[in-house]
Amino acid sequence: MREIAIAGGGIAMTPDFIVKDAINDGRLIPILPDYTTLEFGLFAIYPHRKYVAKKVRCFIDFALAQWSK
């Protein structure tokens, strides 16, 4: 959807993080900036252990930094 919208193929409703760069450099223009949709959750599911693998912990920390409000 992102690439079709950039190419002039129509309107796309996508998450901000997917089109942020295209909006910032003018390839896309927000047309309903105050419109909101239903919120959805993003969940990290991993085995419960006393020690979580470092790569899992790093991904969870990255996801929280990128997508938490």
C-alpha atoms as a PDB file:
ATOM      1  CA  MET A   1       0.000   0.000   0.000  1.00  0.00           C
ATOM      2  CA  ARG A   2       2.835   2.358   0.868  1.00  0.00           C
ATOM      3  CA  GLU A   3       4.550   2.007  -2.491  1.00  0.00           C
ATOM      4  CA  ILE A   4       1.294   2.274  -4.459  1.00  0.00           C
ATOM      5  CA  ALA A   5       0.387   5.492  -2.614  1.00  0.00           C
ATOM      6  CA  ILE A   6       3.857   6.950  -3.244  1.00  0.00           C
ATOM      7  CA  ALA A   7       3.501   6.087  -6.954  1.00  0.00           C
ATOM      8  CA  GLY A   8       0.216   8.025  -7.072  1.00  0.00           C
ATOM      9  CA  GLY A   9      -2.059   5.003  -7.071  1.00  0.00           C
ATOM     10  CA  GLY A  10      -4.460   6.228  -4.414  1.00  0.00           C
ATOM     11  CA  ILE A  11      -5.020   6.771  -0.725  1.00  0.00           C
ATOM     12  CA  ALA A  12      -3.599   4.403   1.886  1.00  0.00           C
ATOM     13  CA  MET A  13      -4.361   4.040   5.573  1.00  0.00           C
ATOM     14  CA  THR A  14      -1.152   2.784   7.149  1.00  0.00           C
ATOM     15  CA  PRO A  15       0.594   3.038  10.512  1.00  0.00           C
ATOM     16  CA  ASP A  16       2.681   6.184  10.931  1.00  0.00           C
ATOM     17  CA  PHE A  17       5.965   4.321  11.313  1.00  0.00           C
ATOM     18  CA  ILE A  18       5.563   2.767   7.854  1.00  0.00           C
ATOM     19  CA  VAL A  19       5.143   6.079   6.002  1.00  0.00           C
ATOM     20  CA  LYS A  20       6.957   8.518   8.290  1.00  0.00           C
ATOM     21  CA  ASP A  21       9.946   8.976   5.967  1.00  0.00           C
ATOM     22  CA  ALA A  22       7.721   9.476   2.896  1.00  0.00           C
ATOM     23  CA  ILE A  23       5.683  12.112   4.746  1.00  0.00           C
ATOM     24  CA  ASN A  24       8.803  13.875   6.019  1.00  0.00           C
ATOM     25  CA  ASP A  25      10.345  14.169   2.552  1.00  0.00           C
ATOM     26  CA  GLY A  26       7.079  15.141   0.829  1.00  0.00           C
ATOM     27  CA  ARG A  27       6.375  11.985  -1.161  1.00  0.00           C
ATOM     28  CA  LEU A  28       3.126  11.519   0.788  1.00  0.00           C
ATOM     29  CA  ILE A  29       0.762  14.055   2.305  1.00  0.00           C
ATOM     30  CA  PRO A  30      -1.507  13.228   5.270  1.00  0.00           C
ATOM     31  CA  ILE A  31      -5.120  14.005   4.331  1.00  0.00           C
ATOM     32  CA  LEU A  32      -6.915  13.196   7.615  1.00  0.00           C
ATOM     33  CA  PRO A  33      -4.304  13.856  10.310  1.00  0.00           C
ATOM     34  CA  ASP A  34      -6.833  13.975  13.171  1.00  0.00           C
ATOM     35  CA  TYR A  35      -8.625  10.752  12.187  1.00  0.00           C
ATOM     36  CA  THR A  36      -7.883   7.801  14.440  1.00  0.00           C
ATOM     37  CA  THR A  37      -8.692   4.131  14.121  1.00  0.00           C
ATOM     38  CA  LEU A  38      -9.087   1.438  16.717  1.00  0.00           C
ATOM     39  CA  GLU A  39      -5.991   0.781  18.752  1.00  0.00           C
ATOM     40  CA  PHE A  40      -4.391  -2.635  18.573  1.00  0.00           C
ATOM     41  CA  GLY A  41      -1.997  -4.371  20.869  1.00  0.00           C
ATOM     42  CA  LEU A  42       1.443  -5.660  20.092  1.00  0.00           C
ATOM     43  CA  PHE A  43       2.470  -8.520  22.312  1.00  0.00           C
ATOM     44  CA  ALA A  44       5.783 -10.293  22.834  1.00  0.00           C
ATOM     45  CA  ILE A  45       5.222 -13.912  23.800  1.00  0.00           C
ATOM     46  CA  TYR A  46       8.193 -15.904  24.962  1.00  0.00           C
ATOM     47  CA  PRO A  47       8.839 -18.794  27.382  1.00  0.00           C
ATOM     48  CA  HIS A  48       8.798 -17.787  31.029  1.00  0.00           C
ATOM     49  CA  ARG A  49      12.255 -18.280  32.406  1.00  0.00           C
ATOM     50  CA  LYS A  50      14.278 -16.678  35.119  1.00  0.00           C
ATOM     51  CA  TYR A  51      16.818 -15.521  32.536  1.00  0.00           C
ATOM     52  CA  VAL A  52      15.573 -14.318  29.157  1.00  0.00           C
ATOM     53  CA  ALA A  53      17.957 -14.649  26.198  1.00  0.00           C
ATOM     54  CA  LYS A  54      19.739 -11.362  25.513  1.00  0.00           C
ATOM     55  CA  LYS A  55      18.507 -11.237  21.906  1.00  0.00           C
ATOM     56  CA  VAL A  56      14.898 -11.597  23.118  1.00  0.00           C
ATOM     57  CA  ARG A  57      15.355  -8.894  25.747  1.00  0.00           C
ATOM     58  CA  CYS A  58      16.975  -6.578  23.164  1.00  0.00           C
ATOM     59  CA  PHE A  59      14.074  -7.059  20.754  1.00  0.00           C
ATOM     60  CA  ILE A  60      11.495  -6.381  23.471  1.00  0.00           C
ATOM     61  CA  ASP A  61      13.349  -3.220  24.525  1.00  0.00           C
ATOM     62  CA  PHE A  62      13.565  -2.107  20.871  1.00  0.00           C
ATOM     63  CA  ALA A  63       9.846  -2.745  20.288  1.00  0.00           C
ATOM     64  CA  LEU A  64       8.893  -0.805  23.429  1.00  0.00           C
ATOM     65  CA  ALA A  65      11.061   2.144  22.400  1.00  0.00           C
ATOM     66  CA  GLN A  66       9.650   2.189  18.862  1.00  0.00           C
ATOM     67  CA  TRP A  67       5.958   1.562  19.432  1.00  0.00           C
ATOM     68  CA  SER A  68       4.971   2.420  22.994  1.00  0.00           C
ATOM     69  CA  LYS A  69       3.148   5.628  23.750  1.00  0.00           C
END
